[in-house]
Amino acid sequence: KEGQSRIRAIDVVRLLFAPEEGANIIKTTSSTFELD
């Protein structure tokens, strides 16, 4: 949701990527571009 804290938004996405118990491990990557 717009207005969420950076930490909360990142957690939302990472939890979506987390495999369920017994699932195969998936490859994750992240890139960050810090701007003014």
PDB file of all heavy atoms in Angstrom:
ATOM      1  N   LYS A   1       0.848  -1.185   0.000  1.00  0.00           N
ATOM      2  CA  LYS A   1       0.000   0.000   0.000  1.00  0.00           C
ATOM      3  C   LYS A   1       0.886   1.239   0.000  1.00  0.00           C
ATOM      4  O   LYS A   1       1.891   1.280   0.711  1.00  0.00           O
ATOM      5  CB  LYS A   1      -0.883   0.031   1.242  1.00  0.00           C
ATOM      6  CG  LYS A   1      -1.681  -1.245   1.461  1.00  0.00           C
ATOM      7  CD  LYS A   1      -3.130  -1.008   1.591  1.00  0.00           C
ATOM      8  CE  LYS A   1      -3.962  -2.223   1.840  1.00  0.00           C
ATOM      9  NZ  LYS A   1      -3.716  -3.424   1.153  1.00  0.00           N
ATOM     10  N   GLU A   2       0.508   2.224  -0.799  1.00  0.00           N
ATOM     11  CA  GLU A   2       1.247   3.490  -0.774  1.00  0.00           C
ATOM     12  C   GLU A   2       1.260   4.028   0.651  1.00  0.00           C
ATOM     13  O   GLU A   2       0.269   3.912   1.365  1.00  0.00           O
ATOM     14  CB  GLU A   2       0.592   4.511  -1.705  1.00  0.00           C
ATOM     15  CG  GLU A   2       0.909   4.287  -3.154  1.00  0.00           C
ATOM     16  CD  GLU A   2       0.376   5.401  -4.035  1.00  0.00           C
ATOM     17  OE1 GLU A   2       0.423   6.578  -3.642  1.00  0.00           O
ATOM     18  OE2 GLU A   2      -0.103   5.065  -5.135  1.00  0.00           O
ATOM     19  N   GLY A   3       2.387   4.589   1.045  1.00  0.00           N
ATOM     20  CA  GLY A   3       2.523   5.149   2.386  1.00  0.00           C
ATOM     21  C   GLY A   3       3.092   4.184   3.408  1.00  0.00           C
ATOM     22  O   GLY A   3       3.420   4.594   4.521  1.00  0.00           O
ATOM     23  N   GLN A   4       3.225   2.893   3.051  1.00  0.00           N
ATOM     24  CA  GLN A   4       3.835   1.936   3.976  1.00  0.00           C
ATOM     25  C   GLN A   4       5.298   2.295   4.199  1.00  0.00           C
ATOM     26  O   GLN A   4       5.957   2.850   3.314  1.00  0.00           O
ATOM     27  CB  GLN A   4       3.796   0.517   3.399  1.00  0.00           C
ATOM     28  CG  GLN A   4       2.479  -0.170   3.512  1.00  0.00           C
ATOM     29  CD  GLN A   4       2.508  -1.552   2.874  1.00  0.00           C
ATOM     30  OE1 GLN A   4       3.120  -1.736   1.826  1.00  0.00           O
ATOM     31  NE2 GLN A   4       1.809  -2.494   3.481  1.00  0.00           N
ATOM     32  N   SER A   5       5.803   1.929   5.359  1.00  0.00           N
ATOM     33  CA  SER A   5       7.229   2.136   5.615  1.00  0.00           C
ATOM     34  C   SER A   5       8.043   1.235   4.686  1.00  0.00           C
ATOM     35  O   SER A   5       7.544   0.211   4.198  1.00  0.00           O
ATOM     36  CB  SER A   5       7.567   1.814   7.073  1.00  0.00           C
ATOM     37  OG  SER A   5       7.496   0.420   7.291  1.00  0.00           O
ATOM     38  N   ARG A   6       9.269   1.633   4.456  1.00  0.00           N
ATOM     39  CA  ARG A   6      10.158   0.849   3.595  1.00  0.00           C
ATOM     40  C   ARG A   6      10.313  -0.562   4.134  1.00  0.00           C
ATOM     41  O   ARG A   6      10.222  -1.543   3.392  1.00  0.00           O
ATOM     42  CB  ARG A   6      11.519   1.552   3.490  1.00  0.00           C
ATOM     43  CG  ARG A   6      12.539   0.817   2.649  1.00  0.00           C
ATOM     44  CD  ARG A   6      13.800   1.640   2.484  1.00  0.00           C
ATOM     45  NE  ARG A   6      14.847   0.884   1.806  1.00  0.00           N
ATOM     46  CZ  ARG A   6      15.890   1.433   1.218  1.00  0.00           C
ATOM     47  NH1 ARG A   6      16.037   2.741   1.211  1.00  0.00           N
ATOM     48  NH2 ARG A   6      16.797   0.682   0.637  1.00  0.00           N
ATOM     49  N   ILE A   7      10.510  -0.691   5.429  1.00  0.00           N
ATOM     50  CA  ILE A   7      10.711  -2.012   6.037  1.00  0.00           C
ATOM     51  C   ILE A   7       9.477  -2.885   5.840  1.00  0.00           C
ATOM     52  O   ILE A   7       9.583  -4.055   5.479  1.00  0.00           O
ATOM     53  CB  ILE A   7      11.057  -1.871   7.537  1.00  0.00           C
ATOM     54  CG1 ILE A   7      12.438  -1.233   7.682  1.00  0.00           C
ATOM     55  CG2 ILE A   7      10.997  -3.206   8.253  1.00  0.00           C
ATOM     56  CD1 ILE A   7      12.799  -0.856   9.092  1.00  0.00           C
ATOM     57  N   ARG A   8       8.283  -2.318   6.061  1.00  0.00           N
ATOM     58  CA  ARG A   8       7.045  -3.096   5.921  1.00  0.00           C
ATOM     59  C   ARG A   8       6.851  -3.551   4.474  1.00  0.00           C
ATOM     60  O   ARG A   8       6.504  -4.696   4.217  1.00  0.00           O
ATOM     61  CB  ARG A   8       5.846  -2.263   6.393  1.00  0.00           C
ATOM     62  CG  ARG A   8       4.514  -2.909   6.150  1.00  0.00           C
ATOM     63  CD  ARG A   8       4.305  -4.144   7.018  1.00  0.00           C
ATOM     64  NE  ARG A   8       3.020  -4.733   6.687  1.00  0.00           N
ATOM     65  CZ  ARG A   8       2.821  -6.018   6.477  1.00  0.00           C
ATOM     66  NH1 ARG A   8       3.817  -6.871   6.618  1.00  0.00           N
ATOM     67  NH2 ARG A   8       1.643  -6.490   6.164  1.00  0.00           N
ATOM     68  N   ALA A   9       7.063  -2.665   3.507  1.00  0.00           N
ATOM     69  CA  ALA A   9       6.874  -3.012   2.092  1.00  0.00           C
ATOM     70  C   ALA A   9       7.832  -4.125   1.666  1.00  0.00           C
ATOM     71  O   ALA A   9       7.440  -5.071   0.970  1.00  0.00           O
ATOM     72  CB  ALA A   9       7.055  -1.778   1.212  1.00  0.00           C
ATOM     73  N   ILE A  10       9.082  -4.042   2.085  1.00  0.00           N
ATOM     74  CA  ILE A  10      10.062  -5.078   1.748  1.00  0.00           C
ATOM     75  C   ILE A  10       9.659  -6.401   2.390  1.00  0.00           C
ATOM     76  O   ILE A  10       9.734  -7.457   1.757  1.00  0.00           O
ATOM     77  CB  ILE A  10      11.485  -4.651   2.176  1.00  0.00           C
ATOM     78  CG1 ILE A  10      11.947  -3.456   1.339  1.00  0.00           C
ATOM     79  CG2 ILE A  10      12.467  -5.809   2.055  1.00  0.00           C
ATOM     80  CD1 ILE A  10      13.206  -2.782   1.850  1.00  0.00           C
ATOM     81  N   ASP A  11       9.196  -6.356   3.626  1.00  0.00           N
ATOM     82  CA  ASP A  11       8.742  -7.583   4.303  1.00  0.00           C
ATOM     83  C   ASP A  11       7.575  -8.228   3.564  1.00  0.00           C
ATOM     84  O   ASP A  11       7.503  -9.454   3.455  1.00  0.00           O
ATOM     85  CB  ASP A  11       8.341  -7.293   5.741  1.00  0.00           C
ATOM     86  CG  ASP A  11       9.531  -7.147   6.669  1.00  0.00           C
ATOM     87  OD1 ASP A  11      10.660  -7.491   6.250  1.00  0.00           O
ATOM     88  OD2 ASP A  11       9.333  -6.680   7.812  1.00  0.00           O
ATOM     89  N   VAL A  12       6.637  -7.415   3.062  1.00  0.00           N
ATOM     90  CA  VAL A  12       5.490  -7.947   2.325  1.00  0.00           C
ATOM     91  C   VAL A  12       5.971  -8.765   1.132  1.00  0.00           C
ATOM     92  O   VAL A  12       5.530  -9.896   0.912  1.00  0.00           O
ATOM     93  CB  VAL A  12       4.551  -6.803   1.857  1.00  0.00           C
ATOM     94  CG1 VAL A  12       3.562  -7.299   0.806  1.00  0.00           C
ATOM     95  CG2 VAL A  12       3.814  -6.204   3.038  1.00  0.00           C
ATOM     96  N   VAL A  13       6.905  -8.206   0.364  1.00  0.00           N
ATOM     97  CA  VAL A  13       7.399  -8.908  -0.829  1.00  0.00           C
ATOM     98  C   VAL A  13       8.190 -10.144  -0.437  1.00  0.00           C
ATOM     99  O   VAL A  13       8.007 -11.221  -1.008  1.00  0.00           O
ATOM    100  CB  VAL A  13       8.237  -7.962  -1.719  1.00  0.00           C
ATOM    101  CG1 VAL A  13       8.854  -8.730  -2.874  1.00  0.00           C
ATOM    102  CG2 VAL A  13       7.378  -6.814  -2.228  1.00  0.00           C
ATOM    103  N   ARG A  14       9.052 -10.031   0.529  1.00  0.00           N
ATOM    104  CA  ARG A  14       9.875 -11.191   0.927  1.00  0.00           C
ATOM    105  C   ARG A  14       9.015 -12.332   1.459  1.00  0.00           C
ATOM    106  O   ARG A  14       9.326 -13.501   1.235  1.00  0.00           O
ATOM    107  CB  ARG A  14      10.931 -10.764   1.936  1.00  0.00           C
ATOM    108  CG  ARG A  14      12.024  -9.955   1.264  1.00  0.00           C
ATOM    109  CD  ARG A  14      13.207  -9.736   2.135  1.00  0.00           C
ATOM    110  NE  ARG A  14      14.260  -9.073   1.381  1.00  0.00           N
ATOM    111  CZ  ARG A  14      15.138  -8.257   1.899  1.00  0.00           C
ATOM    112  NH1 ARG A  14      15.120  -7.999   3.185  1.00  0.00           N
ATOM    113  NH2 ARG A  14      16.057  -7.705   1.145  1.00  0.00           N
ATOM    114  N   LEU A  15       7.942 -12.023   2.156  1.00  0.00           N
ATOM    115  CA  LEU A  15       7.045 -13.079   2.631  1.00  0.00           C
ATOM    116  C   LEU A  15       6.326 -13.750   1.469  1.00  0.00           C
ATOM    117  O   LEU A  15       6.045 -14.946   1.512  1.00  0.00           O
ATOM    118  CB  LEU A  15       6.045 -12.523   3.637  1.00  0.00           C
ATOM    119  CG  LEU A  15       6.622 -12.233   5.020  1.00  0.00           C
ATOM    120  CD1 LEU A  15       5.598 -11.501   5.891  1.00  0.00           C
ATOM    121  CD2 LEU A  15       7.086 -13.508   5.702  1.00  0.00           C
ATOM    122  N   LEU A  16       6.034 -12.994   0.416  1.00  0.00           N
ATOM    123  CA  LEU A  16       5.442 -13.602  -0.781  1.00  0.00           C
ATOM    124  C   LEU A  16       6.411 -14.586  -1.432  1.00  0.00           C
ATOM    125  O   LEU A  16       6.001 -15.594  -1.987  1.00  0.00           O
ATOM    126  CB  LEU A  16       5.065 -12.525  -1.803  1.00  0.00           C
ATOM    127  CG  LEU A  16       3.858 -11.675  -1.463  1.00  0.00           C
ATOM    128  CD1 LEU A  16       3.759 -10.495  -2.436  1.00  0.00           C
ATOM    129  CD2 LEU A  16       2.585 -12.491  -1.513  1.00  0.00           C
ATOM    130  N   PHE A  17       7.692 -14.276  -1.378  1.00  0.00           N
ATOM    131  CA  PHE A  17       8.708 -15.125  -1.995  1.00  0.00           C
ATOM    132  C   PHE A  17       9.071 -16.328  -1.135  1.00  0.00           C
ATOM    133  O   PHE A  17       9.657 -17.283  -1.629  1.00  0.00           O
ATOM    134  CB  PHE A  17       9.991 -14.337  -2.256  1.00  0.00           C
ATOM    135  CG  PHE A  17       9.883 -13.298  -3.339  1.00  0.00           C
ATOM    136  CD1 PHE A  17      10.869 -12.346  -3.489  1.00  0.00           C
ATOM    137  CD2 PHE A  17       8.814 -13.256  -4.212  1.00  0.00           C
ATOM    138  CE1 PHE A  17      10.806 -11.384  -4.490  1.00  0.00           C
ATOM    139  CE2 PHE A  17       8.723 -12.298  -5.209  1.00  0.00           C
ATOM    140  CZ  PHE A  17       9.720 -11.367  -5.349  1.00  0.00           C
ATOM    141  N   ALA A  18       8.768 -16.286   0.153  1.00  0.00           N
ATOM    142  CA  ALA A  18       9.176 -17.365   1.060  1.00  0.00           C
ATOM    143  C   ALA A  18       8.454 -18.650   0.681  1.00  0.00           C
ATOM    144  O   ALA A  18       7.237 -18.680   0.597  1.00  0.00           O
ATOM    145  CB  ALA A  18       8.852 -16.989   2.499  1.00  0.00           C
ATOM    146  N   PRO A  19       9.197 -19.714   0.440  1.00  0.00           N
ATOM    147  CA  PRO A  19       8.550 -20.984   0.089  1.00  0.00           C
ATOM    148  C   PRO A  19       7.803 -21.555   1.289  1.00  0.00           C
ATOM    149  O   PRO A  19       8.194 -21.334   2.428  1.00  0.00           O
ATOM    150  CB  PRO A  19       9.710 -21.881  -0.323  1.00  0.00           C
ATOM    151  CG  PRO A  19      10.910 -21.291   0.327  1.00  0.00           C
ATOM    152  CD  PRO A  19      10.642 -19.817   0.482  1.00  0.00           C
ATOM    153  N   GLU A  20       6.733 -22.259   0.990  1.00  0.00           N
ATOM    154  CA  GLU A  20       5.996 -22.930   2.055  1.00  0.00           C
ATOM    155  C   GLU A  20       6.819 -24.108   2.543  1.00  0.00           C
ATOM    156  O   GLU A  20       7.730 -24.574   1.864  1.00  0.00           O
ATOM    157  CB  GLU A  20       4.649 -23.409   1.521  1.00  0.00           C
ATOM    158  CG  GLU A  20       3.737 -22.272   1.126  1.00  0.00           C
ATOM    159  CD  GLU A  20       2.414 -22.764   0.563  1.00  0.00           C
ATOM    160  OE1 GLU A  20       2.079 -23.940   0.768  1.00  0.00           O
ATOM    161  OE2 GLU A  20       1.741 -21.961  -0.072  1.00  0.00           O
ATOM    162  N   GLU A  21       6.467 -24.603   3.710  1.00  0.00           N
ATOM    163  CA  GLU A  21       7.193 -25.733   4.291  1.00  0.00           C
ATOM    164  C   GLU A  21       7.209 -26.905   3.311  1.00  0.00           C
ATOM    165  O   GLU A  21       6.184 -27.265   2.742  1.00  0.00           O
ATOM    166  CB  GLU A  21       6.526 -26.162   5.589  1.00  0.00           C
ATOM    167  CG  GLU A  21       7.321 -27.177   6.353  1.00  0.00           C
ATOM    168  CD  GLU A  21       6.700 -27.485   7.701  1.00  0.00           C
ATOM    169  OE1 GLU A  21       6.110 -26.584   8.301  1.00  0.00           O
ATOM    170  OE2 GLU A  21       6.826 -28.634   8.131  1.00  0.00           O
ATOM    171  N   GLY A  22       8.376 -27.442   3.056  1.00  0.00           N
ATOM    172  CA  GLY A  22       8.522 -28.577   2.160  1.00  0.00           C
ATOM    173  C   GLY A  22       8.671 -28.199   0.704  1.00  0.00           C
ATOM    174  O   GLY A  22       8.900 -29.040  -0.141  1.00  0.00           O
ATOM    175  N   ALA A  23       8.560 -26.905   0.378  1.00  0.00           N
ATOM    176  CA  ALA A  23       8.685 -26.474  -1.010  1.00  0.00           C
ATOM    177  C   ALA A  23      10.154 -26.365  -1.399  1.00  0.00           C
ATOM    178  O   ALA A  23      11.035 -26.289  -0.542  1.00  0.00           O
ATOM    179  CB  ALA A  23       7.994 -25.120  -1.211  1.00  0.00           C
ATOM    180  N   ASN A  24      10.410 -26.352  -2.697  1.00  0.00           N
ATOM    181  CA  ASN A  24      11.771 -26.173  -3.185  1.00  0.00           C
ATOM    182  C   ASN A  24      12.272 -24.774  -2.843  1.00  0.00           C
ATOM    183  O   ASN A  24      11.485 -23.833  -2.772  1.00  0.00           O
ATOM    184  CB  ASN A  24      11.820 -26.352  -4.703  1.00  0.00           C
ATOM    185  CG  ASN A  24      11.527 -27.769  -5.106  1.00  0.00           C
ATOM    186  OD1 ASN A  24      11.729 -28.704  -4.339  1.00  0.00           O
ATOM    187  ND2 ASN A  24      11.035 -27.933  -6.317  1.00  0.00           N
ATOM    188  N   ILE A  25      13.550 -24.640  -2.682  1.00  0.00           N
ATOM    189  CA  ILE A  25      14.146 -23.337  -2.436  1.00  0.00           C
ATOM    190  C   ILE A  25      14.136 -22.564  -3.750  1.00  0.00           C
ATOM    191  O   ILE A  25      14.467 -23.105  -4.796  1.00  0.00           O
ATOM    192  CB  ILE A  25      15.577 -23.488  -1.883  1.00  0.00           C
ATOM    193  CG1 ILE A  25      15.517 -24.148  -0.510  1.00  0.00           C
ATOM    194  CG2 ILE A  25      16.279 -22.156  -1.833  1.00  0.00           C
ATOM    195  CD1 ILE A  25      16.863 -24.459   0.084  1.00  0.00           C
ATOM    196  N   ILE A  26      13.753 -21.307  -3.679  1.00  0.00           N
ATOM    197  CA  ILE A  26      13.725 -20.478  -4.878  1.00  0.00           C
ATOM    198  C   ILE A  26      14.862 -19.470  -4.830  1.00  0.00           C
ATOM    199  O   ILE A  26      15.338 -19.108  -3.761  1.00  0.00           O
ATOM    200  CB  ILE A  26      12.365 -19.764  -5.035  1.00  0.00           C
ATOM    201  CG1 ILE A  26      12.073 -18.884  -3.821  1.00  0.00           C
ATOM    202  CG2 ILE A  26      11.253 -20.745  -5.260  1.00  0.00           C
ATOM    203  CD1 ILE A  26      10.821 -18.064  -3.943  1.00  0.00           C
ATOM    204  N   LYS A  27      15.267 -19.035  -5.996  1.00  0.00           N
ATOM    205  CA  LYS A  27      16.358 -18.067  -6.102  1.00  0.00           C
ATOM    206  C   LYS A  27      15.770 -16.666  -6.006  1.00  0.00           C
ATOM    207  O   LYS A  27      14.834 -16.335  -6.735  1.00  0.00           O
ATOM    208  CB  LYS A  27      17.085 -18.242  -7.430  1.00  0.00           C
ATOM    209  CG  LYS A  27      18.197 -17.249  -7.638  1.00  0.00           C
ATOM    210  CD  LYS A  27      18.859 -17.416  -8.979  1.00  0.00           C
ATOM    211  CE  LYS A  27      19.901 -16.342  -9.161  1.00  0.00           C
ATOM    212  NZ  LYS A  27      20.492 -16.367 -10.466  1.00  0.00           N
ATOM    213  N   THR A  28      16.300 -15.856  -5.116  1.00  0.00           N
ATOM    214  CA  THR A  28      15.856 -14.477  -4.991  1.00  0.00           C
ATOM    215  C   THR A  28      17.029 -13.535  -5.203  1.00  0.00           C
ATOM    216  O   THR A  28      18.175 -13.883  -4.897  1.00  0.00           O
ATOM    217  CB  THR A  28      15.235 -14.198  -3.605  1.00  0.00           C
ATOM    218  OG1 THR A  28      16.209 -14.450  -2.598  1.00  0.00           O
ATOM    219  CG2 THR A  28      14.003 -15.054  -3.367  1.00  0.00           C
ATOM    220  N   THR A  29      16.734 -12.372  -5.749  1.00  0.00           N
ATOM    221  CA  THR A  29      17.742 -11.330  -5.922  1.00  0.00           C
ATOM    222  C   THR A  29      17.114  -9.995  -5.582  1.00  0.00           C
ATOM    223  O   THR A  29      15.892  -9.843  -5.627  1.00  0.00           O
ATOM    224  CB  THR A  29      18.290 -11.272  -7.365  1.00  0.00           C
ATOM    225  OG1 THR A  29      17.215 -10.992  -8.259  1.00  0.00           O
ATOM    226  CG2 THR A  29      18.976 -12.549  -7.765  1.00  0.00           C
ATOM    227  N   SER A  30      17.956  -9.048  -5.244  1.00  0.00           N
ATOM    228  CA  SER A  30      17.460  -7.692  -5.021  1.00  0.00           C
ATOM    229  C   SER A  30      18.523  -6.701  -5.462  1.00  0.00           C
ATOM    230  O   SER A  30      19.719  -6.977  -5.398  1.00  0.00           O
ATOM    231  CB  SER A  30      17.088  -7.478  -3.554  1.00  0.00           C
ATOM    232  OG  SER A  30      18.226  -7.530  -2.735  1.00  0.00           O
ATOM    233  N   SER A  31      18.043  -5.557  -5.936  1.00  0.00           N
ATOM    234  CA  SER A  31      18.910  -4.450  -6.316  1.00  0.00           C
ATOM    235  C   SER A  31      18.337  -3.197  -5.686  1.00  0.00           C
ATOM    236  O   SER A  31      17.119  -3.008  -5.674  1.00  0.00           O
ATOM    237  CB  SER A  31      18.943  -4.259  -7.834  1.00  0.00           C
ATOM    238  OG  SER A  31      19.459  -5.391  -8.473  1.00  0.00           O
ATOM    239  N   THR A  32      19.210  -2.367  -5.158  1.00  0.00           N
ATOM    240  CA  THR A  32      18.772  -1.117  -4.549  1.00  0.00           C
ATOM    241  C   THR A  32      19.530   0.035  -5.191  1.00  0.00           C
ATOM    242  O   THR A  32      20.744  -0.021  -5.337  1.00  0.00           O
ATOM    243  CB  THR A  32      19.034  -1.117  -3.026  1.00  0.00           C
ATOM    244  OG1 THR A  32      18.373  -2.248  -2.462  1.00  0.00           O
ATOM    245  CG2 THR A  32      18.519   0.146  -2.375  1.00  0.00           C
ATOM    246  N   PHE A  33      18.775   1.047  -5.579  1.00  0.00           N
ATOM    247  CA  PHE A  33      19.346   2.273  -6.138  1.00  0.00           C
ATOM    248  C   PHE A  33      18.960   3.405  -5.183  1.00  0.00           C
ATOM    249  O   PHE A  33      17.802   3.809  -5.144  1.00  0.00           O
ATOM    250  CB  PHE A  33      18.789   2.550  -7.536  1.00  0.00           C
ATOM    251  CG  PHE A  33      19.069   1.465  -8.534  1.00  0.00           C
ATOM    252  CD1 PHE A  33      18.168   0.409  -8.705  1.00  0.00           C
ATOM    253  CD2 PHE A  33      20.220   1.482  -9.305  1.00  0.00           C
ATOM    254  CE1 PHE A  33      18.423  -0.597  -9.626  1.00  0.00           C
ATOM    255  CE2 PHE A  33      20.475   0.479 -10.225  1.00  0.00           C
ATOM    256  CZ  PHE A  33      19.578  -0.562 -10.380  1.00  0.00           C
ATOM    257  N   GLU A  34      19.922   3.858  -4.384  1.00  0.00           N
ATOM    258  CA  GLU A  34      19.670   4.975  -3.468  1.00  0.00           C
ATOM    259  C   GLU A  34      19.721   6.267  -4.273  1.00  0.00           C
ATOM    260  O   GLU A  34      20.633   6.480  -5.060  1.00  0.00           O
ATOM    261  CB  GLU A  34      20.702   4.996  -2.342  1.00  0.00           C
ATOM    262  CG  GLU A  34      20.690   3.760  -1.452  1.00  0.00           C
ATOM    263  CD  GLU A  34      19.434   3.602  -0.603  1.00  0.00           C
ATOM    264  OE1 GLU A  34      18.705   4.596  -0.398  1.00  0.00           O
ATOM    265  OE2 GLU A  34      19.179   2.477  -0.152  1.00  0.00           O
ATOM    266  N   LEU A  35      18.720   7.106  -4.074  1.00  0.00           N
ATOM    267  CA  LEU A  35      18.607   8.350  -4.822  1.00  0.00           C
ATOM    268  C   LEU A  35      18.471   9.518  -3.854  1.00  0.00           C
ATOM    269  O   LEU A  35      18.168   9.327  -2.673  1.00  0.00           O
ATOM    270  CB  LEU A  35      17.365   8.305  -5.732  1.00  0.00           C
ATOM    271  CG  LEU A  35      17.225   7.066  -6.620  1.00  0.00           C
ATOM    272  CD1 LEU A  35      15.819   6.997  -7.198  1.00  0.00           C
ATOM    273  CD2 LEU A  35      18.247   7.137  -7.728  1.00  0.00           C
ATOM    274  N   ASP A  36      18.639  10.735  -4.362  1.00  0.00           N
ATOM    275  CA  ASP A  36      18.368  11.906  -3.533  1.00  0.00           C
ATOM    276  C   ASP A  36      16.878  11.941  -3.237  1.00  0.00           C
ATOM    277  O   ASP A  36      16.055  11.938  -4.150  1.00  0.00           O
ATOM    278  CB  ASP A  36      18.781  13.199  -4.255  1.00  0.00           C
ATOM    279  CG  ASP A  36      20.288  13.330  -4.381  1.00  0.00           C
ATOM    280  OD1 ASP A  36      21.007  12.726  -3.561  1.00  0.00           O
ATOM    281  OD2 ASP A  36      20.746  14.045  -5.299  1.00  0.00           O
TER     282      ASP A  36
END
